[in-house]
């Protein structure tokens, strides 16, 4: 062994022994934690206002339907009077819209952003295709009604 090796080995042994002498367990002072005050909850009226804003598109949709003269009975009779496939397309599109709203509710109550985005990716594809099919079926029916009037 060389002199340099002996010097390194000696210094390493003395370093390890010195570290062992300092490892003495002693009574430490008590740690006092200071916690933040609890966050204040918003007023109930404030929460209700934003719930109403969230539901506003549905309320506007229903209001528009009533203004145009579409009552629930008339809508159901229109859905059932046409082809079954058209009814399936329209109901599946409306169901996917309700699913999106429910997903937003779940995001608010229990899901995190990554989970919500993964579900939103799949559900938005379904909503796109069902909406495209529903609107195409409505357009073809309007074309047939327009051609019959001529």
Protein backbone atom coordinates (compact mmCIF):
# COMPACT_ATOMS: atom_id res chain seq x y z
CA UNK A 1 0.00 0.00 0.00
CA UNK A 2 1.24 3.41 -0.73
CA UNK A 3 1.65 6.28 1.65
CA UNK A 4 -1.23 8.11 0.04
CA UNK A 5 -3.50 5.10 0.59
CA UNK A 6 -2.55 4.91 4.26
CA UNK A 7 -3.21 8.62 4.74
CA UNK A 8 -6.64 8.34 3.11
CA UNK A 9 -7.59 5.24 5.13
CA UNK A 10 -6.45 6.89 8.39
CA UNK A 11 -8.36 10.08 7.69
CA UNK A 12 -11.49 8.11 6.76
CA UNK A 13 -11.34 6.07 9.99
CA UNK A 14 -10.82 9.18 12.10
CA UNK A 15 -13.73 10.92 10.29
CA UNK A 16 -16.10 8.00 10.97
CA UNK A 17 -15.07 7.88 14.64
CA UNK A 18 -15.57 11.63 15.02
CA UNK A 19 -19.05 11.38 13.49
CA UNK A 20 -19.94 8.60 15.93
CA UNK A 21 -18.96 10.68 18.96
CA UNK A 22 -21.36 13.48 18.00
CA UNK A 23 -24.38 11.15 17.65
CA UNK A 24 -25.66 11.48 21.19
CA UNK A 25 -29.39 11.40 21.79
CA UNK A 26 -30.40 14.26 24.00
CA UNK A 27 -33.69 15.71 25.04
CA UNK A 28 -34.71 18.28 22.46
CA UNK A 29 -36.90 21.31 23.15
CA UNK A 30 -40.60 20.88 22.45
CA UNK A 31 -41.80 22.06 19.06
CA UNK A 32 -44.81 24.38 19.16
CA UNK A 33 -46.80 24.47 15.95
CA UNK A 34 -48.79 27.49 14.91
CA UNK A 35 -51.66 26.53 12.64
CA UNK A 36 -53.45 28.87 10.27
CA UNK A 37 -56.93 29.95 11.11
CA UNK A 38 -59.67 28.03 9.30
CA UNK A 39 -60.69 29.56 6.01
CA UNK A 40 -63.99 31.34 6.04
CA UNK A 41 -66.76 29.81 3.97
CA UNK A 42 -68.52 32.07 1.48
CA UNK A 43 -72.02 33.21 2.19
CA UNK A 44 -74.79 30.83 1.20
CA UNK A 45 -76.25 33.44 -1.14
CA UNK A 46 -72.90 33.69 -2.94
CA UNK A 47 -72.76 29.92 -3.44
CA UNK A 48 -76.36 29.85 -4.64
CA UNK A 49 -75.63 32.62 -7.13
CA UNK A 50 -72.83 30.62 -8.71
CA UNK A 51 -74.97 27.47 -8.73
CA UNK A 52 -77.58 29.47 -10.65
CA UNK A 53 -74.90 30.71 -13.07
CA UNK A 54 -73.86 27.11 -13.63
CA UNK A 55 -77.43 26.06 -14.36
CA UNK A 56 -78.15 29.16 -16.49
CA UNK A 57 -77.51 27.49 -19.89
CA UNK A 58 -80.18 24.89 -19.12
CA UNK A 59 -82.59 27.57 -17.93
CA UNK A 60 -81.94 29.62 -21.08
CA UNK A 61 -82.51 26.52 -23.21
CA UNK A 62 -85.83 25.76 -21.51
CA UNK A 63 -86.88 29.41 -21.70
CA UNK A 64 -86.08 29.50 -25.41
CA UNK A 65 -88.08 26.35 -26.02
CA UNK A 66 -91.10 27.74 -24.20
CA UNK A 67 -90.81 31.03 -26.07
CA UNK A 68 -90.82 29.15 -29.37
CA UNK A 69 -93.89 27.22 -28.26
CA UNK A 70 -92.27 23.91 -27.46
CA UNK A 71 -93.88 22.38 -24.42
CA UNK A 72 -92.65 19.11 -22.91
CA UNK A 73 -95.67 17.28 -24.36
CA UNK A 74 -95.01 18.67 -27.84
CA UNK A 75 -91.31 17.76 -27.63
CA UNK A 76 -92.10 14.18 -26.57
CA UNK A 77 -94.68 13.80 -29.35
CA UNK A 78 -92.17 15.14 -31.92
CA UNK A 79 -89.53 12.71 -30.68
CA UNK A 80 -91.82 9.70 -30.83
CA UNK A 81 -93.46 10.59 -34.15
CA UNK A 82 -90.22 10.44 -36.15
CA UNK A 83 -87.94 7.53 -36.94
CA UNK A 84 -86.61 5.62 -33.96
CA UNK A 85 -83.00 6.23 -34.97
CA UNK A 86 -83.54 10.01 -34.90
CA UNK A 87 -85.02 9.71 -31.42
CA UNK A 88 -82.03 7.68 -30.25
CA UNK A 89 -79.59 10.25 -31.66
CA UNK A 90 -81.34 13.18 -30.01
CA UNK A 91 -81.77 11.45 -26.64
CA UNK A 92 -78.17 10.24 -26.64
CA UNK A 93 -76.95 13.77 -27.40
CA UNK A 94 -79.03 15.26 -24.59
CA UNK A 95 -77.85 12.46 -22.30
CA UNK A 96 -74.22 13.21 -23.10
CA UNK A 97 -74.81 16.90 -22.31
CA UNK A 98 -76.27 15.89 -18.95
CA UNK A 99 -73.23 13.64 -18.48
CA UNK A 100 -70.92 16.62 -19.04
CA UNK A 101 -72.80 18.63 -16.44
CA UNK A 102 -72.57 15.71 -14.00
CA UNK A 103 -68.83 15.45 -14.67
CA UNK A 104 -68.44 19.10 -13.76
CA UNK A 105 -70.36 18.44 -10.55
CA UNK A 106 -68.06 15.51 -9.76
CA UNK A 107 -65.04 17.72 -10.40
CA UNK A 108 -66.40 20.21 -7.90
CA UNK A 109 -67.12 17.59 -5.24
CA UNK A 110 -64.60 14.74 -5.51
CA UNK A 111 -62.45 14.46 -8.67
CA UNK A 112 -59.13 16.15 -9.30
CA UNK A 113 -58.18 17.91 -12.52
CA UNK A 114 -56.34 15.00 -14.14
CA UNK A 115 -59.22 12.58 -13.55
CA UNK A 116 -61.73 15.12 -14.83
CA UNK A 117 -59.74 15.80 -17.99
CA UNK A 118 -59.41 12.10 -18.77
CA UNK A 119 -63.17 11.58 -18.41
CA UNK A 120 -63.85 14.81 -20.30
CA UNK A 121 -61.76 13.64 -23.24
CA UNK A 122 -63.86 10.52 -23.74
CA UNK A 123 -67.18 12.17 -23.00
CA UNK A 124 -66.53 15.11 -25.32
CA UNK A 125 -65.86 12.73 -28.22
CA UNK A 126 -69.15 10.97 -27.52
CA UNK A 127 -70.95 14.33 -27.26
CA UNK A 128 -69.44 15.51 -30.53
CA UNK A 129 -70.52 12.46 -32.51
CA UNK A 130 -73.99 12.18 -30.96
CA UNK A 131 -74.54 15.91 -31.51
CA UNK A 132 -73.44 15.65 -35.11
CA UNK A 133 -75.81 12.72 -35.70
CA UNK A 134 -78.69 14.43 -33.90
CA UNK A 135 -78.31 17.67 -35.85
CA UNK A 136 -77.93 15.78 -39.14
CA UNK A 137 -81.13 13.85 -38.50
CA UNK A 138 -82.99 17.06 -37.64
CA UNK A 139 -81.64 18.74 -40.79
CA UNK A 140 -82.70 15.82 -43.01
CA UNK A 141 -86.20 15.92 -41.54
CA UNK A 142 -86.42 19.65 -42.16
CA UNK A 143 -85.29 19.13 -45.74
CA UNK A 144 -88.00 16.51 -46.26
CA UNK A 145 -90.65 18.82 -44.77
CA UNK A 146 -89.39 21.71 -46.91
CA UNK A 147 -89.44 19.58 -50.09
CA UNK A 148 -93.00 18.39 -49.32
CA UNK A 149 -94.23 21.99 -49.01
CA UNK A 150 -92.99 22.87 -52.50
